[in-house]
N, C-alpha and C. Protein backbone atom coordinates (compact mmCIF):
# COMPACT_ATOMS: atom_id res chain seq x y z
N UNK A 1 5.75 -18.09 18.50
CA UNK A 1 5.78 -18.72 19.82
C UNK A 1 5.21 -20.02 19.94
N UNK A 2 4.29 -20.14 19.07
CA UNK A 2 3.92 -21.28 18.84
C UNK A 2 4.73 -22.51 18.45
N UNK A 3 5.20 -22.32 17.35
CA UNK A 3 6.21 -23.09 16.67
C UNK A 3 7.50 -23.16 17.88
N UNK A 4 7.60 -22.26 18.56
CA UNK A 4 8.80 -22.58 19.67
C UNK A 4 8.38 -23.48 20.73
N UNK A 5 7.15 -23.68 21.08
CA UNK A 5 6.58 -24.53 22.05
C UNK A 5 6.37 -25.90 21.41
N UNK A 6 6.19 -26.08 20.20
CA UNK A 6 6.01 -27.38 19.67
C UNK A 6 7.21 -27.88 19.01
N UNK A 7 8.31 -27.21 19.22
CA UNK A 7 9.76 -27.58 18.73
C UNK A 7 10.84 -27.35 19.75
N UNK A 8 10.83 -27.75 20.65
CA UNK A 8 11.43 -27.53 21.85
C UNK A 8 13.05 -27.86 21.58
N UNK A 9 13.50 -28.61 20.62
CA UNK A 9 14.68 -29.18 20.17
C UNK A 9 15.36 -27.55 19.47
N UNK A 10 14.61 -26.82 19.06
CA UNK A 10 15.23 -25.87 18.27
C UNK A 10 15.36 -24.83 19.32
N UNK A 11 16.48 -23.99 19.33
CA UNK A 11 17.42 -23.29 20.37
C UNK A 11 16.17 -21.85 20.39
N UNK A 12 15.66 -21.49 21.42
CA UNK A 12 14.71 -20.18 21.37
C UNK A 12 15.33 -18.89 20.65
N UNK A 13 16.78 -18.87 20.62
CA UNK A 13 17.18 -17.80 20.14
C UNK A 13 17.40 -17.62 18.24
N UNK A 14 16.57 -18.76 17.89
CA UNK A 14 16.59 -19.01 16.45
C UNK A 14 15.05 -18.35 16.15
N UNK A 15 14.17 -17.95 16.97
CA UNK A 15 13.06 -17.61 16.58
C UNK A 15 12.89 -16.01 16.81
N UNK A 16 12.46 -15.54 15.70
CA UNK A 16 12.07 -13.91 15.79
C UNK A 16 11.08 -13.62 14.82
N UNK A 17 10.72 -12.24 14.74
CA UNK A 17 9.48 -11.74 14.11
C UNK A 17 9.60 -10.89 13.01
N UNK A 18 8.77 -10.87 11.98
CA UNK A 18 9.18 -10.21 10.93
C UNK A 18 9.20 -8.63 11.51
N UNK A 19 8.57 -8.38 12.48
CA UNK A 19 8.45 -7.02 13.01
C UNK A 19 10.01 -6.58 13.64
N UNK A 20 10.77 -7.44 13.66
CA UNK A 20 11.92 -7.09 13.92
C UNK A 20 12.51 -6.24 13.34
N UNK A 21 12.25 -6.37 11.77
CA UNK A 21 12.82 -5.36 10.69
C UNK A 21 12.32 -4.06 11.39
N UNK A 22 11.45 -3.86 11.82
CA UNK A 22 11.09 -2.35 12.12
C UNK A 22 11.56 -2.14 13.26
N UNK A 23 12.01 -2.98 14.43
CA UNK A 23 12.79 -2.29 15.48
C UNK A 23 14.01 -1.97 14.79
N UNK A 24 14.85 -2.77 14.25
CA UNK A 24 16.14 -2.51 13.56
C UNK A 24 16.31 -1.24 13.13
N UNK A 25 15.08 -0.80 12.15
CA UNK A 25 14.92 0.32 11.58
C UNK A 25 14.90 1.61 12.20
N UNK A 26 13.91 1.31 13.13
CA UNK A 26 13.75 2.32 14.28
C UNK A 26 15.11 2.87 15.00
N UNK A 27 15.94 1.58 15.60
CA UNK A 27 17.04 2.08 16.11
C UNK A 27 17.91 2.47 15.14
N UNK A 28 18.39 2.13 13.64
CA UNK A 28 18.94 3.04 12.87
C UNK A 28 18.59 4.69 12.71
N UNK A 29 17.22 4.92 12.59
CA UNK A 29 16.58 6.13 12.43
C UNK A 29 17.05 7.04 13.96
N UNK A 30 17.02 6.44 14.83
CA UNK A 30 17.41 7.15 16.24
C UNK A 30 18.63 7.27 16.01
N UNK A 31 19.57 6.40 15.82
CA UNK A 31 21.06 6.75 15.92
C UNK A 31 21.51 7.95 14.96
N UNK A 32 20.84 7.61 13.82
CA UNK A 32 21.16 8.72 12.58
C UNK A 32 20.57 10.09 13.27
N UNK A 33 19.50 10.34 13.83
CA UNK A 33 19.09 11.52 14.30
C UNK A 33 20.04 11.91 15.44
N UNK A 34 20.57 11.05 16.37
CA UNK A 34 21.46 11.29 17.26
C UNK A 34 22.91 11.65 16.74
N UNK A 35 23.13 11.16 15.71
CA UNK A 35 24.44 11.31 15.11
C UNK A 35 24.33 12.98 14.71
N UNK A 36 23.39 13.29 14.05
CA UNK A 36 22.99 14.48 13.40
C UNK A 36 22.89 15.59 14.28
N UNK A 37 22.40 15.17 15.32
CA UNK A 37 22.27 16.06 16.42
C UNK A 37 23.73 16.39 17.12
N UNK A 38 24.61 15.62 16.95
CA UNK A 38 25.81 15.51 17.70
C UNK A 38 27.05 15.91 16.77
N UNK A 39 26.57 16.16 15.44
CA UNK A 39 27.67 16.24 14.35
C UNK A 39 28.37 17.88 14.64
N UNK A 40 27.72 18.71 15.22
CA UNK A 40 28.49 19.81 15.68
C UNK A 40 29.47 20.11 16.62
N UNK A 41 29.52 18.76 17.37
CA UNK A 41 30.57 18.54 18.30
C UNK A 41 31.69 17.59 17.79
N UNK A 42 32.12 17.85 16.56
CA UNK A 42 33.39 17.01 16.20
C UNK A 42 32.74 15.49 15.41
N UNK A 43 31.81 15.24 15.52
CA UNK A 43 31.01 13.99 14.98
C UNK A 43 31.62 13.91 13.43
N UNK A 44 31.31 12.42 13.02
CA UNK A 44 32.03 12.16 11.67
C UNK A 44 30.76 12.89 10.73
N UNK A 45 31.33 12.80 9.38
CA UNK A 45 30.69 13.50 8.47
C UNK A 45 29.70 12.30 7.96
N UNK A 46 28.30 12.61 7.90
CA UNK A 46 27.39 11.80 7.17
C UNK A 46 27.63 11.14 5.62
N UNK A 47 28.49 12.22 5.03
CA UNK A 47 28.74 11.83 3.88
C UNK A 47 29.72 10.65 3.55
N UNK A 48 30.40 10.40 4.73
CA UNK A 48 31.10 9.25 4.62
C UNK A 48 30.85 8.15 4.91
N UNK A 49 29.82 8.13 5.31
CA UNK A 49 28.64 6.77 5.76
C UNK A 49 29.10 6.36 6.93
N UNK A 50 29.79 6.96 7.70
CA UNK A 50 30.03 6.69 9.10
C UNK A 50 29.43 7.77 10.19
N UNK A 51 28.43 7.01 11.15
CA UNK A 51 27.99 7.88 11.96
C UNK A 51 28.39 7.46 13.27
N UNK A 52 28.63 8.55 14.05
CA UNK A 52 29.04 8.26 15.19
C UNK A 52 28.34 7.58 16.27
N UNK A 53 27.07 7.66 16.05
CA UNK A 53 26.36 6.91 16.86
C UNK A 53 25.72 5.71 16.01
N UNK A 54 25.79 4.45 16.62
CA UNK A 54 25.74 3.45 15.84
C UNK A 54 24.22 2.78 16.54
N UNK A 55 23.45 1.99 15.60
CA UNK A 55 22.44 1.45 15.92
C UNK A 55 22.40 0.61 17.01
N UNK A 56 23.53 0.00 17.50
CA UNK A 56 23.72 -0.95 18.27
C UNK A 56 23.89 -0.27 19.55
N UNK A 57 24.22 1.07 19.81
CA UNK A 57 24.41 1.92 20.89
C UNK A 57 22.86 2.47 21.32
N UNK A 58 21.73 2.29 20.55
CA UNK A 58 20.47 2.32 21.08
C UNK A 58 19.74 1.46 21.68
N UNK A 59 19.27 1.36 22.65
CA UNK A 59 18.65 0.07 23.33
C UNK A 59 16.99 0.44 23.81
N UNK A 60 16.34 -0.53 23.85
CA UNK A 60 15.12 -0.40 24.51
C UNK A 60 14.02 0.34 23.44
N UNK A 61 14.10 -0.10 22.08
CA UNK A 61 13.30 0.66 21.15
C UNK A 61 12.21 -0.62 20.98
N UNK A 62 11.11 -0.14 21.22
CA UNK A 62 9.77 -1.05 20.82
C UNK A 62 8.93 -0.67 19.94
N UNK A 63 8.52 -1.71 18.99
CA UNK A 63 7.54 -1.44 18.04
C UNK A 63 6.16 -1.99 18.11
N UNK A 64 5.22 -1.42 18.15
CA UNK A 64 4.02 -2.17 18.37
C UNK A 64 3.29 -2.43 17.14
N UNK A 65 2.55 -3.35 16.90
CA UNK A 65 1.60 -3.51 16.00
C UNK A 65 2.18 -4.96 15.19
N UNK A 66 1.48 -5.27 14.04
CA UNK A 66 2.01 -6.54 13.13
C UNK A 66 2.80 -5.86 12.15
N UNK A 67 2.91 -6.95 11.18
CA UNK A 67 3.78 -6.69 10.22
C UNK A 67 2.80 -5.94 9.31
N UNK A 68 2.45 -4.66 9.06
CA UNK A 68 1.58 -4.07 8.23
C UNK A 68 2.05 -2.52 8.13
N UNK A 69 1.48 -1.81 7.87
CA UNK A 69 1.48 -0.28 8.07
C UNK A 69 1.36 0.13 8.99
N UNK A 70 0.90 -0.41 10.12
CA UNK A 70 0.18 0.22 11.30
C UNK A 70 0.97 0.24 12.35
N UNK A 71 2.58 0.02 12.21
CA UNK A 71 3.81 -0.18 13.00
C UNK A 71 4.00 1.16 13.61
N UNK A 72 3.93 1.26 15.23
CA UNK A 72 4.12 2.46 15.73
C UNK A 72 5.29 2.29 16.95
N UNK A 73 6.31 3.09 16.58
CA UNK A 73 7.60 2.76 17.19
C UNK A 73 7.43 3.62 18.62
N UNK A 74 7.74 2.88 19.77
CA UNK A 74 7.84 3.58 21.04
C UNK A 74 8.93 3.56 21.60
N UNK A 75 9.38 4.90 21.81
CA UNK A 75 10.81 5.45 22.30
C UNK A 75 10.79 5.99 23.66
N UNK A 76 9.71 5.53 24.28
CA UNK A 76 9.48 5.91 25.98
C UNK A 76 10.57 5.56 26.68
N UNK A 77 11.03 4.40 26.52
CA UNK A 77 12.00 3.76 27.36
C UNK A 77 13.64 3.65 26.81
N UNK A 78 13.57 4.18 25.58
CA UNK A 78 14.88 4.20 24.66
C UNK A 78 16.01 4.85 25.25
N UNK A 79 17.29 4.23 25.35
CA UNK A 79 18.26 5.00 25.85
C UNK A 79 19.59 4.52 24.67
N UNK A 80 20.44 5.70 24.88
CA UNK A 80 21.56 5.19 23.91
C UNK A 80 23.02 5.59 24.76
N UNK A 81 23.81 5.03 24.21
CA UNK A 81 25.13 5.06 24.83
C UNK A 81 26.20 6.00 23.89
N UNK A 82 26.35 7.41 24.38
CA UNK A 82 27.16 8.26 23.73
C UNK A 82 28.59 7.74 23.30
N UNK A 83 29.15 7.91 22.25
CA UNK A 83 30.60 7.56 21.92
C UNK A 83 31.43 7.97 23.34
N UNK A 84 32.00 6.82 23.73
CA UNK A 84 32.98 7.21 24.99
C UNK A 84 32.21 7.09 26.24
N UNK A 85 31.30 6.97 26.30
CA UNK A 85 30.38 6.95 27.70
C UNK A 85 30.28 5.55 28.21
N UNK A 86 30.34 5.26 29.21
CA UNK A 86 30.33 3.85 29.83
C UNK A 86 28.64 3.56 30.34
N UNK A 87 27.93 4.47 30.63
CA UNK A 87 26.47 4.19 30.81
C UNK A 87 25.68 4.75 29.95
N UNK A 88 24.20 4.03 29.54
CA UNK A 88 23.25 4.60 28.66
C UNK A 88 22.63 5.88 29.37
N UNK A 89 22.08 6.43 28.67
CA UNK A 89 21.23 7.81 29.18
C UNK A 89 20.06 8.16 28.03
N UNK A 90 19.03 8.67 28.82
CA UNK A 90 17.97 8.84 27.99
C UNK A 90 18.04 9.40 26.74
N UNK A 91 17.21 9.22 25.75
CA UNK A 91 17.41 10.11 24.36
C UNK A 91 16.89 11.47 24.75
N UNK A 92 17.87 12.37 24.07
CA UNK A 92 17.49 14.09 24.14
C UNK A 92 15.99 13.94 23.64
N UNK A 93 15.00 15.14 24.24
CA UNK A 93 13.76 14.97 24.22
C UNK A 93 13.54 15.40 22.45
N UNK A 94 14.43 16.22 21.99
CA UNK A 94 14.08 16.40 20.22
C UNK A 94 14.05 15.11 19.40
N UNK A 95 14.85 13.97 19.93
CA UNK A 95 15.04 13.00 19.26
C UNK A 95 14.05 11.83 19.84
N UNK A 96 13.49 11.81 21.02
CA UNK A 96 12.60 10.84 21.74
C UNK A 96 10.95 11.18 21.09
N UNK A 97 10.93 12.47 21.00
CA UNK A 97 9.71 12.99 20.56
C UNK A 97 9.00 12.91 19.01
N UNK A 98 10.23 12.19 18.35
CA UNK A 98 9.82 12.04 16.71
C UNK A 98 9.31 10.84 16.54
N UNK A 99 8.90 10.02 17.62
CA UNK A 99 8.36 8.36 17.53
C UNK A 99 8.24 8.25 16.23
N UNK A 100 6.76 8.33 15.97
CA UNK A 100 5.61 7.85 14.96
C UNK A 100 6.54 8.43 13.45
N UNK A 101 7.04 9.17 13.54
CA UNK A 101 7.29 9.76 12.13
C UNK A 101 8.59 8.92 11.64
N UNK A 102 9.47 8.39 12.66
CA UNK A 102 10.48 7.94 12.34
C UNK A 102 10.54 6.77 11.46
N UNK A 103 9.35 5.52 11.58
CA UNK A 103 9.43 4.46 10.42
C UNK A 103 8.21 4.41 9.92
N UNK A 104 7.24 5.34 10.04
CA UNK A 104 6.09 5.31 9.46
C UNK A 104 6.04 5.07 8.08
N UNK A 105 6.82 5.83 7.25
CA UNK A 105 6.86 5.91 6.00
C UNK A 105 7.74 4.64 5.25
N UNK A 106 8.61 3.89 6.14
CA UNK A 106 9.24 2.80 5.66
C UNK A 106 8.09 1.77 5.78
N UNK A 107 7.26 1.49 7.06
CA UNK A 107 6.58 0.51 7.22
C UNK A 107 5.28 0.64 5.86
N UNK A 108 4.85 1.58 5.81
CA UNK A 108 3.96 1.59 4.62
C UNK A 108 4.67 1.17 3.29
N UNK A 109 5.75 1.81 3.08
CA UNK A 109 6.54 1.34 1.77
C UNK A 109 6.80 -0.46 1.78
N UNK A 110 7.00 -0.84 3.09
CA UNK A 110 7.50 -2.02 2.85
C UNK A 110 6.39 -3.16 2.85
N UNK A 111 5.03 -2.57 3.37
CA UNK A 111 3.71 -3.42 3.58
C UNK A 111 3.53 -3.81 2.15
N UNK A 112 3.95 -2.43 1.24
CA UNK A 112 3.34 -2.27 -0.04
C UNK A 112 4.08 -3.34 -0.80
N UNK A 113 5.40 -3.30 -0.46
CA UNK A 113 6.24 -4.07 -1.19
C UNK A 113 6.14 -5.43 -1.04
N UNK A 114 5.42 -6.01 0.03
CA UNK A 114 5.13 -7.19 0.32
C UNK A 114 3.63 -7.79 -0.39
N UNK A 115 3.12 -6.65 -0.36
CA UNK A 115 1.88 -6.94 -0.91
C UNK A 115 1.94 -7.46 -2.53
N UNK A 116 2.54 -6.28 -3.17
CA UNK A 116 3.00 -6.64 -4.47
C UNK A 116 3.89 -7.95 -4.63
N UNK A 117 4.71 -8.22 -3.95
CA UNK A 117 5.09 -9.63 -4.03
C UNK A 117 4.25 -10.82 -4.07
N UNK A 118 3.44 -10.49 -2.98
CA UNK A 118 2.52 -11.67 -3.08
C UNK A 118 1.46 -11.70 -4.10
N UNK A 119 1.27 -10.72 -4.85
CA UNK A 119 0.16 -10.86 -6.04
C UNK A 119 1.21 -11.43 -7.11
N UNK A 120 2.46 -11.29 -7.28
CA UNK A 120 3.23 -11.86 -8.23
C UNK A 120 3.11 -13.22 -8.67
């Protein structure tokens, strides 16, 4: 935000945060869980690497904290658009209640990887 304030000639869309990685990871994990939950309803086979619910179909995922192992995914306002649906809908309770477990392991591993890289 500071850089954006002092560099007004750079488009605001060019600025992002390192925590965006965690948001994208959480969106993917939610899409994966939704896909697994809908697999019995004629969904694509996960072994094909094709998920019927894509990360882009999951919206309003928020991650709290900084770029460290303390990232917490917040799915309280998350919605998804099922394949073929016109409007987004709230996440099923089984997926929405999984918040913290979704990306916590990835955050710890990623923070450790950055720490190791910094020491080299």
